[in-house]
Amino acid sequence: MKNNFLNAMQFRHACKLFDENKKVAKTDLDFILETGRLSPSSFGVEHWRFIVVQSADLKKKLKSACYDQPQVGTASAVVVILGLKEDLKPGSEYIQKMFKRLQMPEEKYEAMLGFYKFMVDQLDITWWSISQCHIAGANMMTSAASIGIDSCPIGGYDMKKVKDVLGVDSNKYTVGLIIPFGYRVNEQRGKTRLPIDELVEYR
């Protein structure tokens, strides 16, 4: 299992150009999306929603909103991860629903709501939501790599244009991350990473 996971990590790279003639199968796309759905999130409130863009016309418009990055236009599917905003506010119906599903005693439920409010009042909800979307996105890219599918995380885009293209309500959502999926045209170069002893300190 360790080797399988590391092999997927080695395979994954930021693919800049996809083979437009090779499509990701629906079953594989469902698998990738399921790993996003199952990802961990702060307080377990699942900050994300996923829009899967496959139409050529929409991909063309989305590419323009992403400063014409070619991977958006050539990918088989582009997953736009939206981050919740309005629903994350303390006391919202959504937060109450997410905590109530845990079926905890009323006293614990009220305490959890209070702690949530205490923590969230110290945060910028938009950026908190975006950071959580990246957790789901990372898992989706690694799971895709595990079945030989390439991806590229895109954080460079015109937020307003992306929302306009997809008809996203700015009050309810932010755009957390955009990930094209497909099959590479060119082989990747070797990974360049700092050695582990420059990254890790034991205390």
Protein backbone atom coordinates (compact mmCIF):
# COMPACT_ATOMS: atom_id res chain seq x y z
CA MET A 1 0.00 0.00 0.00
CA LYS A 2 2.85 2.38 0.82
CA ASN A 3 4.48 1.82 -2.55
CA ASN A 4 1.18 2.23 -4.39
CA PHE A 5 0.60 5.58 -2.72
CA LEU A 6 4.15 6.81 -3.36
CA ASN A 7 3.93 5.67 -6.98
CA ALA A 8 0.79 7.77 -7.39
CA MET A 9 2.57 10.75 -5.83
CA GLN A 10 5.50 10.29 -8.23
CA PHE A 11 3.15 9.96 -11.20
CA ARG A 12 1.17 13.10 -10.36
CA HIS A 13 2.47 16.31 -11.87
CA ALA A 14 1.02 19.62 -13.01
CA CYS A 15 0.05 18.54 -16.52
CA LYS A 16 0.09 21.57 -18.81
CA LEU A 17 -1.32 19.95 -21.95
CA PHE A 18 -3.83 17.11 -22.26
CA ASP A 19 -4.63 14.75 -25.13
CA GLU A 20 -7.96 16.09 -26.39
CA ASN A 21 -8.78 12.74 -28.02
CA LYS A 22 -8.63 10.77 -24.77
CA LYS A 23 -11.60 11.07 -22.43
CA VAL A 24 -11.82 10.20 -18.76
CA ALA A 25 -14.41 7.46 -18.27
CA LYS A 26 -17.49 8.30 -16.19
CA THR A 27 -16.64 5.56 -13.69
CA ASP A 28 -13.15 7.02 -13.20
CA LEU A 29 -14.51 10.54 -12.81
CA ASP A 30 -17.00 9.25 -10.23
CA PHE A 31 -14.13 7.63 -8.32
CA ILE A 32 -12.15 10.89 -8.30
CA LEU A 33 -15.17 12.89 -7.13
CA GLU A 34 -15.89 10.34 -4.40
CA THR A 35 -12.41 10.84 -2.96
CA GLY A 36 -13.13 14.55 -2.86
CA ARG A 37 -16.44 13.92 -1.11
CA LEU A 38 -14.76 11.71 1.50
CA SER A 39 -12.01 14.23 2.27
CA PRO A 40 -11.59 15.60 5.80
CA SER A 41 -12.81 19.10 6.59
CA SER A 42 -12.60 21.41 9.59
CA PHE A 43 -15.53 20.71 11.94
CA GLY A 44 -16.66 18.14 9.36
CA VAL A 45 -18.81 20.72 7.58
CA GLU A 46 -17.69 19.83 4.03
CA HIS A 47 -16.89 23.32 2.77
CA TRP A 48 -16.96 22.32 -0.90
CA ARG A 49 -19.23 21.82 -3.86
CA PHE A 50 -18.03 20.46 -7.21
CA ILE A 51 -18.92 21.63 -10.72
CA VAL A 52 -17.74 19.29 -13.49
CA VAL A 53 -17.23 21.11 -16.78
CA GLN A 54 -17.13 18.87 -19.87
CA SER A 55 -18.84 20.93 -22.56
CA ALA A 56 -16.39 22.29 -25.15
CA ASP A 57 -18.10 25.68 -25.14
CA LEU A 58 -17.93 26.07 -21.37
CA LYS A 59 -14.31 24.89 -21.28
CA LYS A 60 -13.43 27.54 -23.86
CA LYS A 61 -15.05 30.26 -21.74
CA LEU A 62 -13.47 28.90 -18.58
CA LYS A 63 -10.07 28.85 -20.28
CA SER A 64 -10.44 32.56 -21.02
CA ALA A 65 -11.30 33.20 -17.35
CA CYS A 66 -8.14 31.27 -16.40
CA TYR A 67 -5.89 33.58 -18.43
CA ASP A 68 -5.91 31.19 -21.42
CA GLN A 69 -4.04 28.38 -19.69
CA PRO A 70 -4.09 25.54 -22.27
CA GLN A 71 -4.74 22.73 -19.79
CA VAL A 72 -8.24 24.09 -19.15
CA GLY A 73 -9.19 23.88 -22.81
CA THR A 74 -7.59 20.52 -23.56
CA ALA A 75 -8.68 18.56 -20.46
CA SER A 76 -11.35 15.88 -20.67
CA ALA A 77 -13.09 17.37 -17.63
CA VAL A 78 -12.46 20.41 -15.47
CA VAL A 79 -13.57 20.27 -11.85
CA VAL A 80 -14.27 23.66 -10.31
CA ILE A 81 -14.29 23.39 -6.53
CA LEU A 82 -16.55 25.98 -4.96
CA GLY A 83 -16.10 26.97 -1.34
CA LEU A 84 -19.10 27.76 0.82
CA LYS A 85 -19.42 31.26 2.28
CA GLU A 86 -22.88 32.19 3.54
CA ASP A 87 -23.64 28.69 4.83
CA LEU A 88 -20.51 28.71 7.00
CA LYS A 89 -21.67 31.61 9.13
CA PRO A 90 -22.30 30.65 12.77
CA GLY A 91 -25.95 29.88 13.40
CA SER A 92 -26.78 29.17 9.74
CA GLU A 93 -29.28 26.41 8.97
CA TYR A 94 -26.51 24.54 7.16
CA ILE A 95 -24.17 24.48 10.17
CA GLN A 96 -27.01 23.40 12.45
CA LYS A 97 -27.89 20.59 10.05
CA MET A 98 -24.27 19.41 9.79
CA PHE A 99 -23.88 19.26 13.57
CA LYS A 100 -27.29 17.71 14.21
CA ARG A 101 -26.52 14.79 11.91
CA LEU A 102 -23.92 13.71 14.48
CA GLN A 103 -26.81 12.92 16.85
CA MET A 104 -25.03 14.21 19.93
CA PRO A 105 -26.72 15.15 23.22
CA GLU A 106 -28.30 18.63 23.19
CA GLU A 107 -25.76 19.98 25.68
CA LYS A 108 -22.85 18.84 23.52
CA TYR A 109 -24.55 20.15 20.38
CA GLU A 110 -24.95 23.63 21.92
CA ALA A 111 -21.34 23.57 23.14
CA MET A 112 -20.14 22.65 19.64
CA LEU A 113 -22.14 25.49 18.10
CA GLY A 114 -20.59 27.88 20.63
CA PHE A 115 -17.06 26.66 19.93
CA TYR A 116 -17.67 26.88 16.18
CA LYS A 117 -18.77 30.51 16.57
CA PHE A 118 -15.74 31.27 18.75
CA MET A 119 -13.34 29.84 16.16
CA VAL A 120 -15.02 31.17 13.01
CA ASP A 121 -15.33 34.69 14.41
CA GLN A 122 -11.51 34.80 14.34
CA LEU A 123 -11.27 33.68 10.71
CA ASP A 124 -11.77 35.11 7.26
CA ILE A 125 -14.50 32.70 6.15
CA THR A 126 -13.66 33.01 2.45
CA TRP A 127 -10.01 32.11 2.86
CA TRP A 128 -10.82 29.40 5.38
CA SER A 129 -13.21 27.86 2.87
CA ILE A 130 -10.62 28.05 0.07
CA SER A 131 -8.00 26.33 2.24
CA GLN A 132 -10.43 23.49 2.94
CA CYS A 133 -11.16 23.10 -0.79
CA HIS A 134 -7.47 22.47 -1.33
CA ILE A 135 -7.66 19.41 0.93
CA ALA A 136 -10.36 17.86 -1.25
CA GLY A 137 -8.49 18.91 -4.39
CA ALA A 138 -5.24 17.28 -3.27
CA ASN A 139 -7.01 14.00 -2.56
CA MET A 140 -8.73 14.10 -5.94
CA MET A 141 -5.46 14.67 -7.79
CA THR A 142 -3.71 11.85 -5.93
CA SER A 143 -6.60 9.45 -6.47
CA ALA A 144 -6.62 10.35 -10.17
CA ALA A 145 -2.89 9.64 -10.36
CA SER A 146 -3.45 6.24 -8.73
CA ILE A 147 -5.48 5.19 -11.79
CA GLY A 148 -3.21 6.83 -14.37
CA ILE A 149 -5.15 10.06 -14.85
CA ASP A 150 -3.34 13.40 -14.98
CA SER A 151 -4.36 16.70 -13.44
CA CYS A 152 -3.20 20.24 -12.80
CA PRO A 153 -4.13 22.45 -9.83
CA ILE A 154 -5.01 25.95 -11.01
CA GLY A 155 -5.14 28.85 -8.58
CA GLY A 156 -4.58 31.54 -11.20
CA TYR A 157 -7.94 32.73 -12.52
CA ASP A 158 -10.18 35.76 -12.68
CA MET A 159 -12.60 35.01 -9.84
CA LYS A 160 -15.41 37.19 -11.20
CA LYS A 161 -15.15 35.79 -14.72
CA VAL A 162 -15.18 32.19 -13.49
CA LYS A 163 -18.30 32.90 -11.45
CA ASP A 164 -19.94 34.62 -14.42
CA VAL A 165 -19.16 31.73 -16.76
CA LEU A 166 -20.67 29.20 -14.35
CA GLY A 167 -23.46 31.36 -12.98
CA VAL A 168 -22.16 31.13 -9.42
CA ASP A 169 -23.79 33.19 -6.67
CA SER A 170 -20.99 35.30 -5.13
CA ASN A 171 -22.82 35.59 -1.83
CA LYS A 172 -23.01 31.83 -1.41
CA TYR A 173 -19.72 30.66 -2.92
CA THR A 174 -16.12 31.48 -3.61
CA VAL A 175 -13.95 29.62 -6.14
CA GLY A 176 -11.52 27.49 -4.17
CA LEU A 177 -9.57 25.64 -6.86
CA ILE A 178 -9.85 24.59 -10.50
CA ILE A 179 -8.55 21.16 -11.53
CA PRO A 180 -8.45 19.91 -15.13
CA PHE A 181 -8.29 16.10 -15.51
CA GLY A 182 -7.24 14.08 -18.52
CA TYR A 183 -4.30 12.29 -20.11
CA ARG A 184 -0.91 13.84 -20.77
CA VAL A 185 0.51 14.53 -24.21
CA ASN A 186 4.11 14.91 -23.06
CA GLU A 187 6.05 12.87 -20.54
CA GLN A 188 6.75 14.64 -17.29
CA ARG A 189 10.22 15.61 -16.21
CA GLY A 190 11.61 14.20 -12.96
CA LYS A 191 10.32 15.69 -9.74
CA THR A 192 12.35 18.40 -8.05
CA ARG A 193 11.79 18.50 -4.30
CA LEU A 194 13.86 19.60 -1.33
CA PRO A 195 15.44 16.70 0.59
CA ILE A 196 13.50 15.51 3.63
CA ASP A 197 16.15 16.67 6.10
CA GLU A 198 15.66 20.27 4.94
CA LEU A 199 11.92 20.05 5.53
CA VAL A 200 11.55 18.10 8.75
CA GLU A 201 12.65 18.95 12.26
CA TYR A 202 12.16 16.50 15.13
CA ARG A 203 11.85 17.87 18.66
